[in-house]
Amino acid sequence: MADKSCPFETFPSLNLPRIRAAFIQRAPDVDVQADREVALVRLKSIHLATMECAGFARMPLAQADQVHSAHVRIVTKETLYPVPDCDALITTNAGLCLGIYVADCAAVYLADKHGRGIALAHSGRKGTELGIVTQTIATLCATIGANPSDIIMQISPCIRPPHYEVDFASDIRAQAAAAGLTEIHDCGYCTASNPTAYYSYRREKGRTGRHLALLAIATTPSSS
């Protein structure tokens, strides 16, 4: 399985006993110079193989339709996917993997320190302007009865200045702070500046692959 997978990164901020998180990087030797749907078909098998390597083996993959909105949906293992008309998913179900595709937009990971619930949001320029992260934080806290200080946030690699005219990662951090989060983390990596590791919609003029951001509550605590 390992020889069919591709590199992925994890985040120290989300190294919690019942939380699994990963960000699948660029797949070597896969031709993704195509429209989004074609590229995703070509990447499907390697993404599934990487999920197994990253600790998400045998987990159902919950995905959103991703329409650059501020709509959030609560999902379970019985939900039909992809969930239409939304850009953020929340679950309290252990063993269900949330997945978001990005290629310059940010994947925003939100995890309760106590393992009661998680959320994963797709937030680019438009979604950030619409307040997708603020809405996701509020919905997650209401769903699990948490205070904002119980929630850890992590921002994935995304496009940043000078390669993009808007620093929406900075706006996401500001929105999270305004919502009451105290643990706000940003990897700081720019997708447009590292073509070896990352796809970039802008750099590759729309004909490129997608990263798959993954987040789950594990059924058993990590042994690490």
Protein backbone atom coordinates (compact mmCIF):
# COMPACT_ATOMS: atom_id res chain seq x y z
CA MET A 1 0.00 0.00 0.00
CA ALA A 2 2.79 2.43 0.91
CA ASP A 3 4.29 2.47 -2.58
CA LYS A 4 0.93 3.62 -3.97
CA SER A 5 0.47 6.47 -1.51
CA CYS A 6 1.77 10.02 -1.62
CA PRO A 7 3.28 12.37 0.97
CA PHE A 8 1.10 13.85 3.67
CA GLU A 9 1.71 16.23 6.53
CA THR A 10 0.34 16.37 10.06
CA PHE A 11 0.08 19.17 12.60
CA PRO A 12 1.52 19.16 16.14
CA SER A 13 -1.43 21.25 17.35
CA LEU A 14 -3.81 18.37 16.56
CA ASN A 15 -1.73 15.64 18.16
CA LEU A 16 -4.52 14.79 20.60
CA PRO A 17 -5.38 11.31 21.96
CA ARG A 18 -8.56 10.78 19.91
CA ILE A 19 -7.94 13.09 16.95
CA ARG A 20 -6.55 12.08 13.57
CA ALA A 21 -5.59 14.85 11.12
CA ALA A 22 -3.64 14.89 7.88
CA PHE A 23 -3.12 16.99 4.75
CA ILE A 24 -2.32 15.02 1.60
CA GLN A 25 0.32 16.76 -0.49
CA ARG A 26 1.01 16.67 -4.22
CA ALA A 27 0.93 13.18 -5.71
CA PRO A 28 4.15 12.46 -7.63
CA ASP A 29 3.84 11.16 -11.19
CA VAL A 30 0.08 11.76 -11.50
CA ASP A 31 -0.98 13.87 -14.49
CA VAL A 32 -3.39 16.46 -13.08
CA GLN A 33 -3.28 19.00 -15.91
CA ALA A 34 -7.02 18.69 -16.36
CA ASP A 35 -10.32 20.03 -15.11
CA ARG A 36 -11.19 19.45 -11.45
CA GLU A 37 -13.37 16.37 -11.87
CA VAL A 38 -10.90 14.62 -14.17
CA ALA A 39 -8.02 15.40 -11.82
CA LEU A 40 -9.96 14.04 -8.84
CA VAL A 41 -10.67 10.77 -10.67
CA ARG A 42 -6.97 10.38 -11.39
CA LEU A 43 -6.11 11.07 -7.76
CA LYS A 44 -8.80 8.91 -6.16
CA SER A 45 -6.87 5.67 -5.71
CA ILE A 46 -3.74 7.37 -4.42
CA HIS A 47 -5.77 9.47 -1.98
CA LEU A 48 -7.50 6.34 -0.65
CA ALA A 49 -4.14 4.59 -0.25
CA THR A 50 -2.73 7.60 1.58
CA MET A 51 -5.73 7.68 3.91
CA GLU A 52 -4.83 4.17 5.05
CA CYS A 53 -1.19 5.12 5.61
CA ALA A 54 -2.26 8.22 7.55
CA GLY A 55 -4.42 6.34 10.05
CA PHE A 56 -7.88 6.57 8.47
CA ALA A 57 -8.17 2.95 7.32
CA ARG A 58 -11.73 1.65 6.93
CA MET A 59 -13.27 5.01 7.85
CA PRO A 60 -16.13 6.30 5.66
CA LEU A 61 -15.15 9.57 3.95
CA ALA A 62 -17.63 12.42 4.46
CA GLN A 63 -17.33 15.24 1.92
CA ALA A 64 -19.06 18.51 1.11
CA ASP A 65 -20.16 19.83 -2.26
CA GLN A 66 -17.94 22.93 -1.71
CA VAL A 67 -19.67 25.87 -3.32
CA HIS A 68 -17.73 28.75 -1.64
CA SER A 69 -20.55 29.39 0.83
CA ALA A 70 -20.89 29.94 4.58
CA HIS A 71 -23.14 26.90 4.99
CA VAL A 72 -22.29 24.31 7.65
CA ARG A 73 -23.78 20.83 8.00
CA ILE A 74 -23.72 18.33 10.86
CA VAL A 75 -23.10 14.82 9.52
CA THR A 76 -23.18 11.22 10.72
CA LYS A 77 -22.18 7.87 9.24
CA GLU A 78 -25.68 7.66 7.74
CA THR A 79 -25.42 10.96 5.82
CA LEU A 80 -25.33 10.74 2.02
CA TYR A 81 -22.20 12.28 0.47
CA PRO A 82 -21.22 14.66 -0.93
CA VAL A 83 -23.40 16.94 1.19
CA PRO A 84 -24.92 19.57 -1.14
CA ASP A 85 -24.63 23.33 -0.79
CA CYS A 86 -22.09 23.54 2.02
CA ASP A 87 -18.41 24.15 2.70
CA ALA A 88 -17.99 22.90 6.27
CA LEU A 89 -18.81 19.64 7.99
CA ILE A 90 -19.20 18.84 11.68
CA THR A 91 -19.44 15.44 13.33
CA THR A 92 -19.52 13.89 16.77
CA ASN A 93 -19.24 10.36 15.35
CA ALA A 94 -16.04 8.47 16.04
CA GLY A 95 -14.67 6.58 13.03
CA LEU A 96 -16.06 9.01 10.44
CA CYS A 97 -13.45 10.90 8.41
CA LEU A 98 -14.25 14.44 7.25
CA GLY A 99 -12.64 15.39 3.94
CA ILE A 100 -12.19 18.72 2.16
CA TYR A 101 -10.45 19.33 -1.20
CA VAL A 102 -8.28 22.44 -1.59
CA ALA A 103 -5.77 23.83 -4.09
CA ASP A 104 -5.03 27.38 -2.79
CA CYS A 105 -8.00 27.76 -0.44
CA ALA A 106 -7.42 26.86 3.19
CA ALA A 107 -8.67 23.77 4.94
CA VAL A 108 -9.53 24.88 8.46
CA TYR A 109 -9.40 22.13 11.08
CA LEU A 110 -11.37 22.56 14.32
CA ALA A 111 -11.12 20.01 17.13
CA ASP A 112 -12.52 19.92 20.64
CA LYS A 113 -9.72 19.25 23.15
CA HIS A 114 -11.95 16.68 24.87
CA GLY A 115 -12.78 14.74 21.69
CA ARG A 116 -16.49 15.56 21.68
CA GLY A 117 -16.63 16.88 18.14
CA ILE A 118 -14.68 18.11 15.12
CA ALA A 119 -15.21 20.30 12.08
CA LEU A 120 -13.45 20.83 8.77
CA ALA A 121 -14.09 23.90 6.63
CA HIS A 122 -13.14 25.03 3.12
CA SER A 123 -12.26 28.72 3.37
CA GLY A 124 -10.82 30.69 0.47
CA ARG A 125 -11.24 34.37 -0.25
CA LYS A 126 -15.01 34.24 -0.74
CA GLY A 127 -15.76 31.81 2.07
CA THR A 128 -13.64 33.84 4.47
CA GLU A 129 -15.45 37.04 3.50
CA LEU A 130 -18.77 35.27 4.11
CA GLY A 131 -17.65 34.09 7.56
CA ILE A 132 -17.56 30.32 7.03
CA VAL A 133 -15.07 29.83 9.88
CA THR A 134 -17.01 31.98 12.34
CA GLN A 135 -20.19 30.08 11.49
CA THR A 136 -18.45 26.72 11.83
CA ILE A 137 -17.01 27.59 15.25
CA ALA A 138 -20.41 28.72 16.52
CA THR A 139 -22.17 25.62 15.21
CA LEU A 140 -19.55 23.24 16.59
CA CYS A 141 -19.66 24.84 20.05
CA ALA A 142 -23.47 24.76 20.10
CA THR A 143 -23.55 21.14 18.94
CA ILE A 144 -21.21 19.76 21.61
CA GLY A 145 -21.83 22.28 24.41
CA ALA A 146 -18.28 23.62 24.27
CA ASN A 147 -16.76 26.98 25.06
CA PRO A 148 -14.67 28.54 22.27
CA SER A 149 -11.61 28.07 24.50
CA ASP A 150 -12.17 24.30 24.22
CA ILE A 151 -11.55 24.41 20.46
CA ILE A 152 -8.20 24.14 18.70
CA MET A 153 -7.93 25.57 15.19
CA GLN A 154 -5.33 24.71 12.55
CA ILE A 155 -5.01 26.35 9.11
CA SER A 156 -3.58 24.22 6.30
CA PRO A 157 -1.19 25.31 3.55
CA CYS A 158 -2.92 27.85 1.30
CA ILE A 159 -2.02 30.63 -1.12
CA ARG A 160 -0.57 33.76 0.50
CA PRO A 161 0.95 37.11 -0.46
CA PRO A 162 2.90 37.96 -2.56
CA HIS A 163 1.39 35.20 -4.72
CA TYR A 164 -2.13 36.37 -3.90
CA GLU A 165 -3.48 39.85 -3.29
CA VAL A 166 -5.49 38.96 -0.19
CA ASP A 167 -4.13 37.39 3.00
CA PHE A 168 -7.25 35.45 3.86
CA ALA A 169 -5.30 33.21 6.27
CA SER A 170 -4.74 36.30 8.40
CA ASP A 171 -8.44 37.09 8.20
CA ILE A 172 -9.28 33.54 9.32
CA ARG A 173 -7.01 33.90 12.34
CA ALA A 174 -8.63 37.23 13.22
CA GLN A 175 -12.14 35.78 12.90
CA ALA A 176 -11.21 32.84 15.15
CA ALA A 177 -9.81 35.17 17.79
CA ALA A 178 -12.94 37.32 17.64
CA ALA A 179 -15.02 34.15 18.13
CA GLY A 180 -13.16 33.45 21.37
CA LEU A 181 -10.65 30.81 20.32
CA THR A 182 -7.38 30.92 22.21
CA GLU A 183 -5.51 28.12 20.43
CA ILE A 184 -5.10 29.31 16.84
CA HIS A 185 -2.44 27.68 14.68
CA ASP A 186 -1.34 28.32 11.10
CA CYS A 187 1.33 26.24 9.36
CA GLY A 188 2.30 29.31 7.33
CA TYR A 189 3.02 27.40 4.12
CA CYS A 190 2.11 28.90 0.73
CA THR A 191 0.77 26.52 -1.91
CA ALA A 192 1.85 28.78 -4.77
CA SER A 193 5.48 28.98 -3.70
CA ASN A 194 6.27 25.25 -3.49
CA PRO A 195 5.30 23.35 -6.67
CA THR A 196 7.09 20.20 -5.50
CA ALA A 197 4.85 19.74 -2.46
CA TYR A 198 1.65 21.58 -3.36
CA TYR A 199 -0.91 22.15 -6.09
CA SER A 200 -1.88 25.75 -6.80
CA TYR A 201 -5.01 26.69 -8.73
CA ARG A 202 -3.63 30.15 -9.51
CA ARG A 203 -0.09 29.09 -10.41
CA GLU A 204 -1.35 26.28 -12.65
CA LYS A 205 -4.22 28.32 -14.11
CA GLY A 206 -6.99 26.03 -12.87
CA ARG A 207 -5.69 22.82 -14.42
CA THR A 208 -4.26 21.08 -11.40
CA GLY A 209 -4.89 18.50 -8.69
CA ARG A 210 -6.39 18.91 -5.24
CA HIS A 211 -5.08 18.26 -1.76
CA LEU A 212 -7.31 16.23 0.51
CA ALA A 213 -7.56 17.47 4.09
CA LEU A 214 -8.64 14.78 6.55
CA LEU A 215 -9.96 14.96 10.11
CA ALA A 216 -11.54 12.30 12.31
CA ILE A 217 -12.29 11.25 15.86
CA ALA A 218 -10.60 7.89 16.34
CA THR A 219 -12.45 5.00 17.92
CA THR A 220 -9.43 4.33 20.12
CA PRO A 221 -6.77 6.73 21.50
CA SER A 222 -3.51 7.10 19.64
CA SER A 223 -0.65 4.94 20.87
CA SER A 224 1.86 7.71 20.15
